[in-house]
């Protein structure tokens, strides 16, 4: 029904404002999303922009599952930051800052579960993790894993015929570096 209503509104070229508390409905129906917090626009953009580039933790968590880790900026450039994220093995990652950031500042780094992937434990190019548990949901499987420093992360893998990992099994966690986002506090 949502697709049909959106098509009708676009077809008759009528501007419409939809107020909803359902993130999925907003993302299906809207060309632009205004995420409100305490009566003020917290973030404005296309559904994809708001989902993929949340400005703060509120926006990130409102629109769906997200992993958030503490970090510290170790170097700053005009368009990127090098961030030390102990939960991700203490290695440096590059995150695009929404509103700046300076060397030495504490930050939060976010990544959506679908931008993480599990591979066999002996695979190269990732962090060694332990699978805590999993939930098979038909179209995808959700895993909770323990990271090297003891923190946990949620990983969502599509149902693509690949293997299913079991609780207690070791695995390699691969991180899409382009999906890491620095959140304003």
C-alpha atoms as a PDB file:
ATOM      1  CA  UNK A   1       0.000   0.000   0.000  1.00  0.00           C
ATOM      2  CA  UNK A   2       2.861   2.388   0.782  1.00  0.00           C
ATOM      3  CA  UNK A   3       4.355   2.010  -2.697  1.00  0.00           C
ATOM      4  CA  UNK A   4       0.973   2.635  -4.306  1.00  0.00           C
ATOM      5  CA  UNK A   5       0.270   5.760  -2.242  1.00  0.00           C
ATOM      6  CA  UNK A   6       3.735   7.176  -2.962  1.00  0.00           C
ATOM      7  CA  UNK A   7       3.226   6.515  -6.702  1.00  0.00           C
ATOM      8  CA  UNK A   8      -0.148   8.283  -6.676  1.00  0.00           C
ATOM      9  CA  UNK A   9       1.293  11.343  -4.915  1.00  0.00           C
ATOM     10  CA  UNK A  10       4.197  11.528  -7.354  1.00  0.00           C
ATOM     11  CA  UNK A  11       1.849  11.012 -10.303  1.00  0.00           C
ATOM     12  CA  UNK A  12      -0.408  13.917  -9.374  1.00  0.00           C
ATOM     13  CA  UNK A  13       2.624  16.005  -8.368  1.00  0.00           C
ATOM     14  CA  UNK A  14       1.279  16.877  -4.948  1.00  0.00           C
ATOM     15  CA  UNK A  15       3.553  17.846  -2.112  1.00  0.00           C
ATOM     16  CA  UNK A  16       2.648  15.865   0.973  1.00  0.00           C
ATOM     17  CA  UNK A  17       4.026  15.822   4.495  1.00  0.00           C
ATOM     18  CA  UNK A  18       3.705  12.476   6.268  1.00  0.00           C
ATOM     19  CA  UNK A  19       4.201  12.331  10.019  1.00  0.00           C
ATOM     20  CA  UNK A  20       5.153   8.876  11.275  1.00  0.00           C
ATOM     21  CA  UNK A  21       7.071   7.191  14.058  1.00  0.00           C
ATOM     22  CA  UNK A  22       7.799   4.210  11.812  1.00  0.00           C
ATOM     23  CA  UNK A  23      11.289   4.511  10.270  1.00  0.00           C
ATOM     24  CA  UNK A  24      10.524   1.957   7.558  1.00  0.00           C
ATOM     25  CA  UNK A  25       7.362   3.785   6.509  1.00  0.00           C
ATOM     26  CA  UNK A  26       9.277   7.074   6.334  1.00  0.00           C
ATOM     27  CA  UNK A  27      11.997   5.542   4.188  1.00  0.00           C
ATOM     28  CA  UNK A  28       9.504   3.897   1.787  1.00  0.00           C
ATOM     29  CA  UNK A  29       7.242   6.924   1.383  1.00  0.00           C
ATOM     30  CA  UNK A  30       9.614   9.878   1.464  1.00  0.00           C
ATOM     31  CA  UNK A  31      11.830  11.620  -1.041  1.00  0.00           C
ATOM     32  CA  UNK A  32      13.252  13.557   1.911  1.00  0.00           C
ATOM     33  CA  UNK A  33      13.220  12.648   5.591  1.00  0.00           C
ATOM     34  CA  UNK A  34      13.241  15.190   8.409  1.00  0.00           C
ATOM     35  CA  UNK A  35      14.177  13.338  11.579  1.00  0.00           C
ATOM     36  CA  UNK A  36      12.773  15.248  14.559  1.00  0.00           C
ATOM     37  CA  UNK A  37      14.095  15.257  18.111  1.00  0.00           C
ATOM     38  CA  UNK A  38      12.499  17.345  20.846  1.00  0.00           C
ATOM     39  CA  UNK A  39      10.653  19.435  18.250  1.00  0.00           C
ATOM     40  CA  UNK A  40      13.797  20.298  16.291  1.00  0.00           C
ATOM     41  CA  UNK A  41      15.041  18.813  13.010  1.00  0.00           C
ATOM     42  CA  UNK A  42      17.938  16.557  14.011  1.00  0.00           C
ATOM     43  CA  UNK A  43      18.776  15.563  10.434  1.00  0.00           C
ATOM     44  CA  UNK A  44      17.376  16.230   6.970  1.00  0.00           C
ATOM     45  CA  UNK A  45      18.125  14.351   3.760  1.00  0.00           C
ATOM     46  CA  UNK A  46      17.097  11.548   1.453  1.00  0.00           C
ATOM     47  CA  UNK A  47      16.256   8.267   3.183  1.00  0.00           C
ATOM     48  CA  UNK A  48      19.581   6.804   2.022  1.00  0.00           C
ATOM     49  CA  UNK A  49      21.578   9.815   3.238  1.00  0.00           C
ATOM     50  CA  UNK A  50      19.960   9.805   6.658  1.00  0.00           C
ATOM     51  CA  UNK A  51      20.387   6.022   7.027  1.00  0.00           C
ATOM     52  CA  UNK A  52      23.948   5.761   5.667  1.00  0.00           C
ATOM     53  CA  UNK A  53      25.287   9.009   7.121  1.00  0.00           C
ATOM     54  CA  UNK A  54      23.617   9.544  10.496  1.00  0.00           C
ATOM     55  CA  UNK A  55      24.734  12.748  12.154  1.00  0.00           C
ATOM     56  CA  UNK A  56      24.478  11.483  15.723  1.00  0.00           C
ATOM     57  CA  UNK A  57      23.666   8.414  17.793  1.00  0.00           C
ATOM     58  CA  UNK A  58      19.975   9.334  17.983  1.00  0.00           C
ATOM     59  CA  UNK A  59      19.653   9.362  14.182  1.00  0.00           C
ATOM     60  CA  UNK A  60      21.692   6.185  13.795  1.00  0.00           C
ATOM     61  CA  UNK A  61      19.653   4.211  16.332  1.00  0.00           C
ATOM     62  CA  UNK A  62      16.255   5.570  15.268  1.00  0.00           C
ATOM     63  CA  UNK A  63      16.613   4.323  11.697  1.00  0.00           C
ATOM     64  CA  UNK A  64      17.732   0.789  12.472  1.00  0.00           C
ATOM     65  CA  UNK A  65      20.267  -1.473  14.121  1.00  0.00           C
ATOM     66  CA  UNK A  66      23.756  -0.009  14.463  1.00  0.00           C
ATOM     67  CA  UNK A  67      27.018  -0.873  16.188  1.00  0.00           C
ATOM     68  CA  UNK A  68      28.587   2.069  18.052  1.00  0.00           C
ATOM     69  CA  UNK A  69      32.116   1.999  19.448  1.00  0.00           C
ATOM     70  CA  UNK A  70      34.174   4.579  21.371  1.00  0.00           C
ATOM     71  CA  UNK A  71      37.327   5.862  19.727  1.00  0.00           C
ATOM     72  CA  UNK A  72      39.885   8.652  19.703  1.00  0.00           C
ATOM     73  CA  UNK A  73      40.983  10.809  16.807  1.00  0.00           C
ATOM     74  CA  UNK A  74      44.705  10.349  16.177  1.00  0.00           C
ATOM     75  CA  UNK A  75      45.041  12.503  13.054  1.00  0.00           C
ATOM     76  CA  UNK A  76      42.803  14.947  11.219  1.00  0.00           C
ATOM     77  CA  UNK A  77      42.687  16.029   7.594  1.00  0.00           C
ATOM     78  CA  UNK A  78      40.247  18.315   5.783  1.00  0.00           C
ATOM     79  CA  UNK A  79      37.931  15.510   4.682  1.00  0.00           C
ATOM     80  CA  UNK A  80      38.775  12.545   6.913  1.00  0.00           C
ATOM     81  CA  UNK A  81      39.928  11.482  10.347  1.00  0.00           C
ATOM     82  CA  UNK A  82      42.161   8.635  11.428  1.00  0.00           C
ATOM     83  CA  UNK A  83      40.497   7.120  14.479  1.00  0.00           C
ATOM     84  CA  UNK A  84      41.799   4.555  16.942  1.00  0.00           C
ATOM     85  CA  UNK A  85      38.907   2.221  17.832  1.00  0.00           C
ATOM     86  CA  UNK A  86      40.037  -0.263  20.516  1.00  0.00           C
ATOM     87  CA  UNK A  87      36.924  -2.438  20.087  1.00  0.00           C
ATOM     88  CA  UNK A  88      37.940  -2.982  16.468  1.00  0.00           C
ATOM     89  CA  UNK A  89      41.299  -4.416  17.438  1.00  0.00           C
ATOM     90  CA  UNK A  90      42.908  -1.067  18.251  1.00  0.00           C
ATOM     91  CA  UNK A  91      43.632  -0.431  14.605  1.00  0.00           C
ATOM     92  CA  UNK A  92      43.137   2.887  12.917  1.00  0.00           C
ATOM     93  CA  UNK A  93      40.204   3.440  10.626  1.00  0.00           C
ATOM     94  CA  UNK A  94      39.311   6.408   8.485  1.00  0.00           C
ATOM     95  CA  UNK A  95      35.914   7.996   9.101  1.00  0.00           C
ATOM     96  CA  UNK A  96      34.403  10.974   7.332  1.00  0.00           C
ATOM     97  CA  UNK A  97      33.488  13.570   9.953  1.00  0.00           C
ATOM     98  CA  UNK A  98      30.037  15.158   9.846  1.00  0.00           C
ATOM     99  CA  UNK A  99      31.171  18.263  11.739  1.00  0.00           C
ATOM    100  CA  UNK A 100      34.926  18.246  12.109  1.00  0.00           C
ATOM    101  CA  UNK A 101      36.993  16.631  14.808  1.00  0.00           C
ATOM    102  CA  UNK A 102      40.487  17.220  16.077  1.00  0.00           C
ATOM    103  CA  UNK A 103      43.401  15.026  17.057  1.00  0.00           C
ATOM    104  CA  UNK A 104      43.034  13.728  20.590  1.00  0.00           C
ATOM    105  CA  UNK A 105      39.258  14.120  20.810  1.00  0.00           C
ATOM    106  CA  UNK A 106      37.030  11.283  21.977  1.00  0.00           C
ATOM    107  CA  UNK A 107      34.491  10.154  19.377  1.00  0.00           C
ATOM    108  CA  UNK A 108      31.888   7.502  18.660  1.00  0.00           C
ATOM    109  CA  UNK A 109      32.196   5.431  15.491  1.00  0.00           C
ATOM    110  CA  UNK A 110      29.164   3.674  14.001  1.00  0.00           C
ATOM    111  CA  UNK A 111      28.703   0.925  11.433  1.00  0.00           C
ATOM    112  CA  UNK A 112      25.507  -0.797  10.352  1.00  0.00           C
ATOM    113  CA  UNK A 113      25.351  -4.599  10.882  1.00  0.00           C
ATOM    114  CA  UNK A 114      24.893  -5.262   7.151  1.00  0.00           C
ATOM    115  CA  UNK A 115      28.211  -3.512   6.443  1.00  0.00           C
ATOM    116  CA  UNK A 116      30.068  -6.173   8.471  1.00  0.00           C
ATOM    117  CA  UNK A 117      30.661  -9.696   7.196  1.00  0.00           C
ATOM    118  CA  UNK A 118      31.776 -12.990   8.695  1.00  0.00           C
ATOM    119  CA  UNK A 119      34.256 -15.294   7.000  1.00  0.00           C
ATOM    120  CA  UNK A 120      35.865 -18.551   8.188  1.00  0.00           C
ATOM    121  CA  UNK A 121      38.313 -18.209  11.079  1.00  0.00           C
ATOM    122  CA  UNK A 122      41.328 -18.885   8.851  1.00  0.00           C
ATOM    123  CA  UNK A 123      40.409 -16.161   6.321  1.00  0.00           C
ATOM    124  CA  UNK A 124      42.803 -13.251   5.885  1.00  0.00           C
ATOM    125  CA  UNK A 125      41.914  -9.602   6.111  1.00  0.00           C
ATOM    126  CA  UNK A 126      39.858  -9.078   9.244  1.00  0.00           C
ATOM    127  CA  UNK A 127      39.541  -9.386  13.000  1.00  0.00           C
ATOM    128  CA  UNK A 128      39.348 -12.701  14.850  1.00  0.00           C
ATOM    129  CA  UNK A 129      35.983 -12.915  16.610  1.00  0.00           C
ATOM    130  CA  UNK A 130      33.898 -15.517  18.417  1.00  0.00           C
ATOM    131  CA  UNK A 131      30.255 -16.114  17.500  1.00  0.00           C
ATOM    132  CA  UNK A 132      28.010 -15.678  20.548  1.00  0.00           C
ATOM    133  CA  UNK A 133      24.723 -16.574  18.901  1.00  0.00           C
ATOM    134  CA  UNK A 134      22.719 -16.282  15.723  1.00  0.00           C
ATOM    135  CA  UNK A 135      19.163 -15.800  14.537  1.00  0.00           C
ATOM    136  CA  UNK A 136      18.159 -17.123  11.128  1.00  0.00           C
ATOM    137  CA  UNK A 137      15.492 -14.737   9.780  1.00  0.00           C
ATOM    138  CA  UNK A 138      14.810 -16.187   6.341  1.00  0.00           C
ATOM    139  CA  UNK A 139      16.235 -13.467   4.096  1.00  0.00           C
ATOM    140  CA  UNK A 140      19.269 -12.974   6.312  1.00  0.00           C
ATOM    141  CA  UNK A 141      21.018 -14.194   9.469  1.00  0.00           C
ATOM    142  CA  UNK A 142      21.874 -11.952  12.405  1.00  0.00           C
ATOM    143  CA  UNK A 143      24.931 -12.811  14.493  1.00  0.00           C
ATOM    144  CA  UNK A 144      26.256 -11.404  17.738  1.00  0.00           C
ATOM    145  CA  UNK A 145      30.035 -11.701  17.962  1.00  0.00           C
ATOM    146  CA  UNK A 146      32.652 -10.953  20.579  1.00  0.00           C
ATOM    147  CA  UNK A 147      35.406  -8.636  19.368  1.00  0.00           C
ATOM    148  CA  UNK A 148      39.059  -8.958  20.434  1.00  0.00           C
ATOM    149  CA  UNK A 149      38.701  -6.392  23.259  1.00  0.00           C
ATOM    150  CA  UNK A 150      35.571  -8.066  24.675  1.00  0.00           C
ATOM    151  CA  UNK A 151      32.949  -5.751  23.163  1.00  0.00           C
ATOM    152  CA  UNK A 152      30.134  -7.250  21.116  1.00  0.00           C
ATOM    153  CA  UNK A 153      28.937  -6.411  17.618  1.00  0.00           C
ATOM    154  CA  UNK A 154      25.916  -7.362  15.551  1.00  0.00           C
ATOM    155  CA  UNK A 155      26.498  -8.688  12.032  1.00  0.00           C
ATOM    156  CA  UNK A 156      23.742  -9.163   9.445  1.00  0.00           C
ATOM    157  CA  UNK A 157      24.543 -11.471   6.534  1.00  0.00           C
ATOM    158  CA  UNK A 158      22.276 -12.014   3.523  1.00  0.00           C
ATOM    159  CA  UNK A 159      21.012 -15.477   2.710  1.00  0.00           C
ATOM    160  CA  UNK A 160      23.308 -16.175  -0.204  1.00  0.00           C
ATOM    161  CA  UNK A 161      23.977 -19.875   0.148  1.00  0.00           C
ATOM    162  CA  UNK A 162      27.060 -19.283   2.292  1.00  0.00           C
ATOM    163  CA  UNK A 163      27.708 -21.191   5.438  1.00  0.00           C
ATOM    164  CA  UNK A 164      26.013 -20.530   8.740  1.00  0.00           C
ATOM    165  CA  UNK A 165      28.273 -20.003  11.734  1.00  0.00           C
ATOM    166  CA  UNK A 166      27.359 -21.543  15.100  1.00  0.00           C
ATOM    167  CA  UNK A 167      27.639 -20.249  18.642  1.00  0.00           C
ATOM    168  CA  UNK A 168      31.123 -20.752  20.049  1.00  0.00           C
ATOM    169  CA  UNK A 169      32.753 -20.878  16.621  1.00  0.00           C
ATOM    170  CA  UNK A 170      35.650 -18.627  15.695  1.00  0.00           C
ATOM    171  CA  UNK A 171      35.297 -16.422  12.628  1.00  0.00           C
ATOM    172  CA  UNK A 172      36.923 -13.505  10.826  1.00  0.00           C
ATOM    173  CA  UNK A 173      35.064 -10.203  10.889  1.00  0.00           C
ATOM    174  CA  UNK A 174      35.442  -8.058   7.786  1.00  0.00           C
ATOM    175  CA  UNK A 175      34.676  -4.358   8.057  1.00  0.00           C
ATOM    176  CA  UNK A 176      33.638  -2.157   5.151  1.00  0.00           C
ATOM    177  CA  UNK A 177      35.873   0.884   5.859  1.00  0.00           C
ATOM    178  CA  UNK A 178      33.678   3.157   3.720  1.00  0.00           C
ATOM    179  CA  UNK A 179      30.737   2.419   6.029  1.00  0.00           C
ATOM    180  CA  UNK A 180      32.349   3.665   9.249  1.00  0.00           C
ATOM    181  CA  UNK A 181      30.717   6.901  10.404  1.00  0.00           C
ATOM    182  CA  UNK A 182      31.809   9.361  13.041  1.00  0.00           C
ATOM    183  CA  UNK A 183      28.843  10.425  15.178  1.00  0.00           C
ATOM    184  CA  UNK A 184      28.443  13.845  16.750  1.00  0.00           C
ATOM    185  CA  UNK A 185      27.907  13.537  20.511  1.00  0.00           C
END
